[in-house]
Amino acid sequence: MQPLPRLSCVCLLACAVAGCMHTGRAAAAEYSVDSARTVVTFEVRRFGFLSQSGWFEHVTGRASLDPQSHAAEFDLVIDAASVRATDSALTSIVRGKEFLDVARYPEILYRGQQLMLSDREVAHIDGSLTMHGVTGPLSLVVTGYDCASHSSPTDVRCVISASGSIRRSRFDMNSLSLFVADRVKFTVHAELAASNDRASTPASPWQEPASSREALSGVPDTGALSHTAILTTKQSEHSMQPLPHSYLVAAAGGTSGNVSLTAADVPSLSSAAPSQFGGPGDQWSPESLLCAAIASCFILSFRAVARASALPWVHLDCEVEGVLERSAGVTRFTRIVLRAVLTVVESVSTGTCEKLLSKAEHGCLIANSLNCSRELQFEIVKAPAAAVAAG
């Protein structure tokens, strides 16, 4: 491990892309936290086994790097009153005197003081956290990061995901210790923009900053990209809610016939056993719905990955084959094969398409929830730019 004193990983990555470290005469690079695309979450155990989570809705901050001295600043300012829990009663408790006491301590501050490198990749950031009137150490383990040029080589955006934990007793929050665990996990999903970036608020939901992957070595890892895709404008009605999510579907059926599936705000759906199990074969079955979920998830994941990479693509078709077998005494899916046909403009490199298709498959949360082998097969079709424009 090689320490770089007072060097924020976000700043280092941003300057590496922008090229500001290639000259000793470059001015200090300044970056600001995009509040619309940044969230801090927390998780704590209750009664020893229940997990309670929440998030802070308003986070600001700044970062700067002097490439001559490698001196850096990385500050996060969290509005303590913006904390949210899973219901209003818990939110009031977390805001109250037993815990954050937001009336007395309105801000939570984090300052990164040292970046640690491992095999030339970011491993973690050592820093200090000021909360509830007490300052203590907080080391964040970096789980994903990425930087890319936006509209010019000096117009850079960076995303970073990192997590760490503290003991709340260290910050004089000792209430309800018999019911609430002492250790609290924090996770930061942040996006930084160059100070001259005027596109900090995207024009439409799910819009990602146009980036030049040629400025990067390869495609960023799945963790960083997934957070880039989901941490969109929180003011938008379609913005992602902080994890964990809960999804509720109701089913009703009698001694025979179809099963009715319902969920809030979407059309109802009929389901029946597939023909392979003696069903009519004219309705969606649980097996086909699972394959459909994987296919839909793959295309939605690819949209986010392609948008973050500014990939000029035209269309994506895919089919999913699920193989159901008897294995270890149970009947289950043992293999999923996803076949995709991607149409892109002819100027796009095949290697870039392959990397992004693979990244979308690995980032699909539905497929990631299955305990079976997975295979991605794909074909890349090049379409002339003129034909694309005409179409």
Protein backbone atom coordinates (compact mmCIF):
# COMPACT_ATOMS: atom_id res chain seq x y z
CA MET A 1 0.00 0.00 0.00
CA GLN A 2 1.39 3.41 -0.96
CA PRO A 3 -0.07 6.50 0.79
CA LEU A 4 -0.45 9.79 -1.04
CA PRO A 5 -0.95 12.49 1.63
CA ARG A 6 -4.14 14.54 1.37
CA LEU A 7 -4.99 13.22 -2.07
CA SER A 8 -8.63 12.59 -2.84
CA CYS A 9 -9.25 9.70 -5.20
CA VAL A 10 -11.92 11.67 -6.98
CA CYS A 11 -9.50 14.50 -7.63
CA LEU A 12 -6.72 12.18 -8.73
CA LEU A 13 -8.95 10.39 -11.20
CA ALA A 14 -10.38 13.60 -12.56
CA CYS A 15 -6.96 15.09 -13.13
CA ALA A 16 -5.68 11.91 -14.71
CA VAL A 17 -8.43 12.09 -17.32
CA ALA A 18 -8.10 15.82 -17.87
CA GLY A 19 -4.33 15.56 -18.17
CA CYS A 20 -3.72 18.19 -15.51
CA MET A 21 -0.91 16.17 -13.93
CA HIS A 22 1.14 16.15 -17.10
CA THR A 23 2.61 19.56 -16.44
CA GLY A 24 4.10 21.18 -13.39
CA ARG A 25 2.66 24.58 -14.30
CA ALA A 26 -1.01 23.60 -14.23
CA ALA A 27 -3.31 25.50 -11.93
CA ALA A 28 -5.20 23.80 -9.11
CA ALA A 29 -8.19 21.88 -10.45
CA GLU A 30 -11.50 22.61 -8.76
CA TYR A 31 -14.51 20.27 -8.56
CA SER A 32 -17.89 20.47 -6.91
CA VAL A 33 -20.22 17.76 -5.62
CA ASP A 34 -23.31 17.41 -7.77
CA SER A 35 -25.99 17.32 -5.06
CA ALA A 36 -28.63 16.04 -7.48
CA ARG A 37 -26.52 12.94 -8.14
CA THR A 38 -25.07 12.33 -4.68
CA VAL A 39 -26.50 10.45 -1.73
CA VAL A 40 -25.16 9.17 1.59
CA THR A 41 -26.88 6.13 3.11
CA PHE A 42 -26.54 4.44 6.50
CA GLU A 43 -27.39 1.05 7.96
CA VAL A 44 -27.58 -0.15 11.57
CA ARG A 45 -28.80 -3.30 13.30
CA ARG A 46 -31.80 -3.32 15.62
CA PHE A 47 -32.45 -6.05 18.20
CA GLY A 48 -29.31 -7.78 16.97
CA PHE A 49 -30.67 -9.02 13.65
CA LEU A 50 -33.02 -6.48 12.02
CA SER A 51 -31.43 -4.07 9.57
CA GLN A 52 -32.53 -0.44 9.67
CA SER A 53 -31.45 1.81 6.82
CA GLY A 54 -31.84 5.44 5.86
CA TRP A 55 -30.28 8.18 3.78
CA PHE A 56 -29.39 11.86 3.63
CA GLU A 57 -31.05 13.74 0.78
CA HIS A 58 -28.87 16.85 0.68
CA VAL A 59 -25.11 16.56 0.34
CA THR A 60 -22.78 19.29 -0.92
CA GLY A 61 -19.03 19.58 -1.11
CA ARG A 62 -15.98 20.49 -3.10
CA ALA A 63 -12.62 19.08 -4.12
CA SER A 64 -9.43 20.61 -5.43
CA LEU A 65 -6.00 19.38 -6.45
CA ASP A 66 -2.78 21.28 -6.95
CA PRO A 67 -0.83 19.12 -9.45
CA GLN A 68 2.48 20.74 -8.45
CA SER A 69 2.35 19.90 -4.76
CA HIS A 70 -0.23 17.09 -4.97
CA ALA A 71 -2.05 18.87 -2.13
CA ALA A 72 -5.75 18.07 -2.24
CA GLU A 73 -8.97 18.90 -0.47
CA PHE A 74 -12.10 16.76 -0.48
CA ASP A 75 -14.99 17.97 1.66
CA LEU A 76 -18.52 16.64 2.06
CA VAL A 77 -21.15 18.66 3.91
CA ILE A 78 -24.27 16.67 4.85
CA ASP A 79 -27.45 18.43 5.91
CA ALA A 80 -28.34 16.43 9.04
CA ALA A 81 -32.00 17.47 8.86
CA SER A 82 -32.28 15.90 5.40
CA VAL A 83 -32.02 12.43 6.93
CA ARG A 84 -34.80 10.02 6.00
CA ALA A 85 -35.67 6.62 7.46
CA THR A 86 -38.22 4.09 6.30
CA ASP A 87 -41.12 5.89 8.01
CA SER A 88 -41.84 9.27 9.56
CA ALA A 89 -41.69 8.01 13.15
CA LEU A 90 -38.18 6.59 12.73
CA THR A 91 -37.11 9.72 10.86
CA SER A 92 -38.15 11.85 13.84
CA ILE A 93 -36.23 9.61 16.22
CA VAL A 94 -33.03 9.76 14.16
CA ARG A 95 -33.31 13.55 13.91
CA GLY A 96 -34.02 13.93 17.62
CA LYS A 97 -31.83 14.36 20.68
CA GLU A 98 -31.31 10.62 21.10
CA PHE A 99 -29.24 10.48 17.92
CA LEU A 100 -28.30 13.28 15.49
CA ASP A 101 -29.90 16.16 17.41
CA VAL A 102 -30.18 18.16 14.18
CA ALA A 103 -31.45 21.29 15.94
CA ARG A 104 -28.14 21.55 17.78
CA TYR A 105 -25.85 19.97 15.17
CA PRO A 106 -27.24 20.85 11.73
CA GLU A 107 -24.29 19.61 9.67
CA ILE A 108 -22.23 16.45 9.33
CA LEU A 109 -18.79 16.98 7.81
CA TYR A 110 -16.41 14.54 6.14
CA ARG A 111 -12.90 15.45 5.04
CA GLY A 112 -10.74 13.03 3.06
CA GLN A 113 -7.14 13.35 4.21
CA GLN A 114 -5.26 10.50 2.59
CA LEU A 115 -5.72 8.28 -0.44
CA MET A 116 -4.36 4.74 -0.26
CA LEU A 117 -3.38 2.91 -3.44
CA SER A 118 -3.15 -0.84 -3.94
CA ASP A 119 -1.68 -2.18 -7.20
CA ARG A 120 -2.24 1.28 -8.73
CA GLU A 121 -5.96 1.18 -7.95
CA VAL A 122 -7.83 3.07 -5.27
CA ALA A 123 -8.21 0.97 -2.13
CA HIS A 124 -9.56 3.39 0.47
CA ILE A 125 -9.62 6.97 1.72
CA ASP A 126 -8.63 7.89 5.25
CA GLY A 127 -10.48 10.89 6.60
CA SER A 128 -12.29 12.45 9.53
CA LEU A 129 -16.00 12.68 10.29
CA THR A 130 -17.50 15.45 12.39
CA MET A 131 -20.94 14.54 13.71
CA HIS A 132 -22.93 15.36 16.81
CA GLY A 133 -20.21 17.84 17.81
CA VAL A 134 -17.46 15.19 17.83
CA THR A 135 -14.70 14.56 15.29
CA GLY A 136 -13.39 11.05 14.74
CA PRO A 137 -11.66 8.98 12.06
CA LEU A 138 -13.62 7.38 9.22
CA SER A 139 -11.87 5.27 6.59
CA LEU A 140 -13.87 4.66 3.42
CA VAL A 141 -13.27 1.55 1.31
CA VAL A 142 -13.69 2.45 -2.36
CA THR A 143 -15.93 -0.05 -4.15
CA GLY A 144 -16.12 1.70 -7.53
CA TYR A 145 -14.96 4.79 -9.37
CA ASP A 146 -14.80 6.28 -12.84
CA CYS A 147 -13.94 9.56 -14.53
CA ALA A 148 -14.67 10.76 -18.05
CA SER A 149 -14.44 13.85 -20.19
CA HIS A 150 -17.78 15.55 -20.80
CA SER A 151 -17.64 18.07 -23.63
CA SER A 152 -13.91 18.85 -23.65
CA PRO A 153 -10.70 17.31 -22.23
CA THR A 154 -10.84 19.68 -19.25
CA ASP A 155 -14.56 19.22 -18.62
CA VAL A 156 -14.53 16.17 -16.36
CA ARG A 157 -17.02 14.26 -14.24
CA CYS A 158 -16.14 11.58 -11.71
CA VAL A 159 -18.29 9.08 -9.83
CA ILE A 160 -17.22 7.25 -6.71
CA SER A 161 -18.80 4.71 -4.38
CA ALA A 162 -17.24 4.09 -0.99
CA SER A 163 -18.32 2.77 2.40
CA GLY A 164 -17.08 2.65 5.98
CA SER A 165 -18.35 2.22 9.50
CA ILE A 166 -18.19 4.00 12.85
CA ARG A 167 -19.22 3.31 16.42
CA ARG A 168 -21.91 5.81 17.30
CA SER A 169 -20.82 5.81 20.92
CA ARG A 170 -17.57 7.39 19.72
CA PHE A 171 -19.72 10.38 18.69
CA ASP A 172 -21.61 10.57 22.00
CA MET A 173 -24.75 8.88 20.67
CA ASN A 174 -25.43 6.24 23.30
CA SER A 175 -29.22 6.15 23.44
CA LEU A 176 -31.16 2.89 23.09
CA SER A 177 -27.96 0.85 23.22
CA LEU A 178 -29.92 -2.24 24.32
CA PHE A 179 -31.93 -2.19 21.09
CA VAL A 180 -29.78 -0.40 18.48
CA ALA A 181 -26.28 -1.60 17.60
CA ASP A 182 -23.28 0.60 18.21
CA ARG A 183 -21.77 0.11 14.77
CA VAL A 184 -23.23 2.15 11.89
CA LYS A 185 -22.27 1.62 8.25
CA PHE A 186 -22.11 4.64 5.93
CA THR A 187 -22.04 4.46 2.13
CA VAL A 188 -21.26 7.41 -0.15
CA HIS A 189 -22.34 7.48 -3.79
CA ALA A 190 -21.02 10.78 -5.15
CA GLU A 191 -20.57 12.51 -8.47
CA LEU A 192 -18.15 15.40 -8.90
CA ALA A 193 -18.11 17.89 -11.75
CA ALA A 194 -15.48 20.34 -12.86
CA SER A 195 -16.38 23.76 -11.49
CA ASN A 196 -17.02 25.10 -15.00
CA ASP A 197 -19.45 22.24 -15.76
CA ARG A 198 -22.85 23.78 -16.43
CA ALA A 199 -24.56 20.44 -16.95
CA SER A 200 -24.82 19.34 -13.33
CA THR A 201 -28.59 18.94 -13.66
CA PRO A 202 -29.46 16.68 -16.60
CA ALA A 203 -32.20 17.69 -18.98
CA SER A 204 -34.17 14.45 -18.66
CA PRO A 205 -34.56 11.51 -16.26
CA TRP A 206 -31.90 8.79 -16.45
CA GLN A 207 -29.64 11.07 -18.50
CA GLU A 208 -25.96 10.44 -17.95
CA PRO A 209 -23.13 12.84 -18.79
CA ALA A 210 -21.81 12.25 -22.29
CA SER A 211 -18.35 10.83 -21.78
CA SER A 212 -15.40 9.95 -23.96
CA ARG A 213 -14.29 6.41 -23.16
CA GLU A 214 -11.26 6.93 -25.37
CA ALA A 215 -9.93 9.08 -22.53
CA LEU A 216 -10.11 6.09 -20.20
CA SER A 217 -8.24 2.80 -20.10
CA GLY A 218 -11.04 0.33 -20.74
CA VAL A 219 -14.53 0.39 -19.31
CA PRO A 220 -15.08 1.17 -15.61
CA ASP A 221 -16.12 -1.60 -13.25
CA THR A 222 -19.75 -2.54 -12.76
CA GLY A 223 -20.08 -1.01 -9.32
CA ALA A 224 -19.08 2.45 -10.48
CA LEU A 225 -21.22 2.31 -13.59
CA SER A 226 -24.30 1.10 -11.81
CA HIS A 227 -24.11 3.99 -9.41
CA THR A 228 -23.57 6.37 -12.30
CA ALA A 229 -26.71 5.03 -13.87
CA ILE A 230 -28.93 5.20 -10.81
CA LEU A 231 -27.83 8.39 -9.05
CA THR A 232 -29.75 10.69 -11.34
CA THR A 233 -31.60 13.92 -10.71
CA LYS A 234 -33.42 13.51 -7.42
CA GLN A 235 -35.87 16.23 -8.37
CA SER A 236 -37.12 14.08 -11.24
CA GLU A 237 -40.24 12.00 -10.69
CA HIS A 238 -38.35 9.05 -12.17
CA SER A 239 -35.25 9.27 -9.99
CA MET A 240 -34.07 6.20 -8.13
CA GLN A 241 -34.94 5.88 -4.47
CA PRO A 242 -32.19 4.92 -2.02
CA LEU A 243 -31.80 1.23 -1.28
CA PRO A 244 -33.16 -1.04 0.05
CA HIS A 245 -36.19 -1.32 -2.24
CA SER A 246 -39.34 -3.32 -1.59
CA TYR A 247 -41.51 -4.72 -4.40
CA LEU A 248 -45.02 -6.05 -3.75
CA VAL A 249 -47.00 -8.27 -6.12
CA ALA A 250 -50.29 -9.97 -5.25
CA ALA A 251 -51.53 -13.25 -6.75
CA ALA A 252 -54.98 -14.83 -6.62
CA GLY A 253 -56.28 -18.08 -8.07
CA GLY A 254 -58.82 -20.84 -7.54
CA THR A 255 -58.75 -24.62 -7.87
CA SER A 256 -58.24 -24.29 -11.62
CA GLY A 257 -57.75 -21.66 -14.29
CA ASN A 258 -55.36 -18.75 -14.50
CA VAL A 259 -53.60 -16.96 -11.69
CA SER A 260 -54.22 -13.21 -11.56
CA LEU A 261 -51.18 -11.06 -10.82
CA THR A 262 -51.62 -7.49 -9.64
CA ALA A 263 -49.38 -4.68 -8.47
CA ALA A 264 -49.90 -1.01 -7.79
CA ASP A 265 -50.11 1.36 -10.79
CA VAL A 266 -49.58 -1.30 -13.48
CA PRO A 267 -52.00 -3.43 -15.54
CA SER A 268 -52.93 -6.83 -14.13
CA LEU A 269 -51.51 -9.97 -15.70
CA SER A 270 -52.75 -13.53 -16.07
CA SER A 271 -50.43 -16.46 -15.49
CA ALA A 272 -50.71 -20.22 -15.85
CA ALA A 273 -48.54 -23.31 -15.83
CA PRO A 274 -46.45 -23.73 -18.99
CA SER A 275 -47.12 -26.50 -21.48
CA GLN A 276 -44.04 -28.32 -20.22
CA PHE A 277 -45.90 -28.78 -16.92
CA GLY A 278 -49.22 -29.68 -18.54
CA GLY A 279 -50.52 -26.12 -18.68
CA PRO A 280 -52.38 -24.52 -21.60
CA GLY A 281 -49.29 -22.77 -22.93
CA ASP A 282 -51.26 -19.65 -23.91
CA GLN A 283 -50.46 -17.52 -20.88
CA TRP A 284 -47.36 -16.13 -19.27
CA SER A 285 -45.95 -18.72 -16.86
CA PRO A 286 -43.70 -18.20 -13.82
CA GLU A 287 -40.86 -19.67 -15.87
CA SER A 288 -41.40 -17.36 -18.86
CA LEU A 289 -41.87 -14.34 -16.57
CA LEU A 290 -38.48 -15.04 -15.01
CA CYS A 291 -36.82 -15.17 -18.44
CA ALA A 292 -38.66 -11.99 -19.44
CA ALA A 293 -37.41 -10.23 -16.30
CA ILE A 294 -33.82 -11.11 -17.19
CA ALA A 295 -34.23 -9.91 -20.78
CA SER A 296 -35.86 -6.64 -19.75
CA CYS A 297 -33.26 -6.06 -17.03
CA PHE A 298 -30.46 -6.63 -19.53
CA ILE A 299 -31.77 -4.05 -22.01
CA LEU A 300 -32.41 -1.47 -19.26
CA SER A 301 -28.92 -2.06 -17.86
CA PHE A 302 -27.42 -1.67 -21.33
CA ARG A 303 -29.25 1.62 -21.82
CA ALA A 304 -27.63 3.02 -18.70
CA VAL A 305 -24.18 1.65 -19.55
CA ALA A 306 -24.36 2.87 -23.16
CA ARG A 307 -25.59 6.32 -22.10
CA ALA A 308 -22.77 6.69 -19.58
CA SER A 309 -20.31 5.73 -22.31
CA ALA A 310 -21.91 7.94 -25.01
CA LEU A 311 -22.24 4.90 -27.26
CA PRO A 312 -24.06 5.68 -30.55
CA TRP A 313 -26.24 2.58 -30.74
CA VAL A 314 -29.49 2.03 -32.63
CA HIS A 315 -31.27 -1.06 -31.36
CA LEU A 316 -30.83 -4.06 -29.08
CA ASP A 317 -32.71 -7.34 -29.46
CA CYS A 318 -32.30 -10.20 -27.04
CA GLU A 319 -33.81 -13.51 -26.10
CA VAL A 320 -33.31 -15.49 -22.91
CA GLU A 321 -33.37 -19.26 -22.66
CA GLY A 322 -33.72 -20.78 -19.22
CA VAL A 323 -32.82 -24.43 -18.69
CA LEU A 324 -34.84 -26.13 -15.93
CA GLU A 325 -33.48 -29.35 -14.44
CA ARG A 326 -33.56 -31.60 -11.43
CA SER A 327 -30.42 -30.81 -9.44
CA ALA A 328 -29.42 -31.85 -5.92
CA GLY A 329 -32.92 -33.08 -5.20
CA VAL A 330 -34.73 -29.91 -6.31
CA THR A 331 -36.12 -28.64 -9.60
CA ARG A 332 -34.50 -25.34 -10.51
CA PHE A 333 -33.00 -23.27 -13.29
CA THR A 334 -29.43 -24.43 -13.78
CA ARG A 335 -28.48 -22.38 -16.83
CA ILE A 336 -29.43 -19.06 -18.40
CA VAL A 337 -28.39 -18.24 -21.97
CA LEU A 338 -28.86 -14.66 -23.14
CA ARG A 339 -28.57 -14.05 -26.90
CA ALA A 340 -28.30 -10.42 -28.01
CA VAL A 341 -28.09 -8.61 -31.33
CA LEU A 342 -26.79 -5.05 -31.01
CA THR A 343 -27.03 -2.57 -33.88
CA VAL A 344 -24.60 0.35 -33.73
CA VAL A 345 -23.29 2.95 -36.14
CA GLU A 346 -20.43 1.64 -38.24
CA SER A 347 -17.81 3.89 -36.64
CA VAL A 348 -18.12 2.17 -33.24
CA SER A 349 -15.42 -0.36 -32.40
CA THR A 350 -16.46 -3.95 -31.87
CA GLY A 351 -14.33 -4.16 -28.73
CA THR A 352 -16.24 -1.33 -27.07
CA CYS A 353 -19.56 -3.00 -27.86
CA GLU A 354 -18.37 -6.31 -26.42
CA LYS A 355 -17.23 -4.69 -23.18
CA LEU A 356 -20.46 -2.77 -22.70
CA LEU A 357 -22.66 -5.78 -23.47
CA SER A 358 -20.72 -7.84 -20.95
CA LYS A 359 -20.93 -5.07 -18.39
CA ALA A 360 -24.70 -4.80 -18.82
CA GLU A 361 -25.09 -8.56 -18.36
CA HIS A 362 -22.95 -8.55 -15.23
CA GLY A 363 -24.87 -5.53 -13.90
CA CYS A 364 -28.35 -7.04 -14.25
CA LEU A 365 -29.71 -7.37 -10.71
CA ILE A 366 -32.28 -10.01 -11.68
CA ALA A 367 -29.67 -12.36 -13.14
CA ASN A 368 -27.35 -11.62 -10.23
CA SER A 369 -30.04 -12.92 -7.88
CA LEU A 370 -30.06 -16.39 -9.47
CA ASN A 371 -27.96 -19.36 -8.47
CA CYS A 372 -27.20 -20.81 -11.89
CA SER A 373 -24.66 -20.59 -14.69
CA ARG A 374 -25.01 -17.70 -17.15
CA GLU A 375 -23.86 -17.35 -20.73
CA LEU A 376 -23.93 -14.29 -22.97
CA GLN A 377 -23.95 -14.75 -26.74
CA PHE A 378 -24.06 -11.71 -28.97
CA GLU A 379 -23.86 -10.41 -32.51
CA ILE A 380 -22.88 -6.84 -33.40
CA VAL A 381 -24.41 -5.30 -36.53
CA LYS A 382 -22.85 -2.15 -38.02
CA ALA A 383 -25.27 0.29 -39.65
CA PRO A 384 -24.09 3.17 -41.87
CA ALA A 385 -24.55 6.56 -40.20
CA ALA A 386 -26.56 7.82 -43.17
CA ALA A 387 -28.99 4.94 -42.88
CA VAL A 388 -29.36 5.53 -39.15
CA ALA A 389 -30.09 9.22 -39.68
CA ALA A 390 -32.61 8.41 -42.42
CA GLY A 391 -34.34 5.88 -40.22
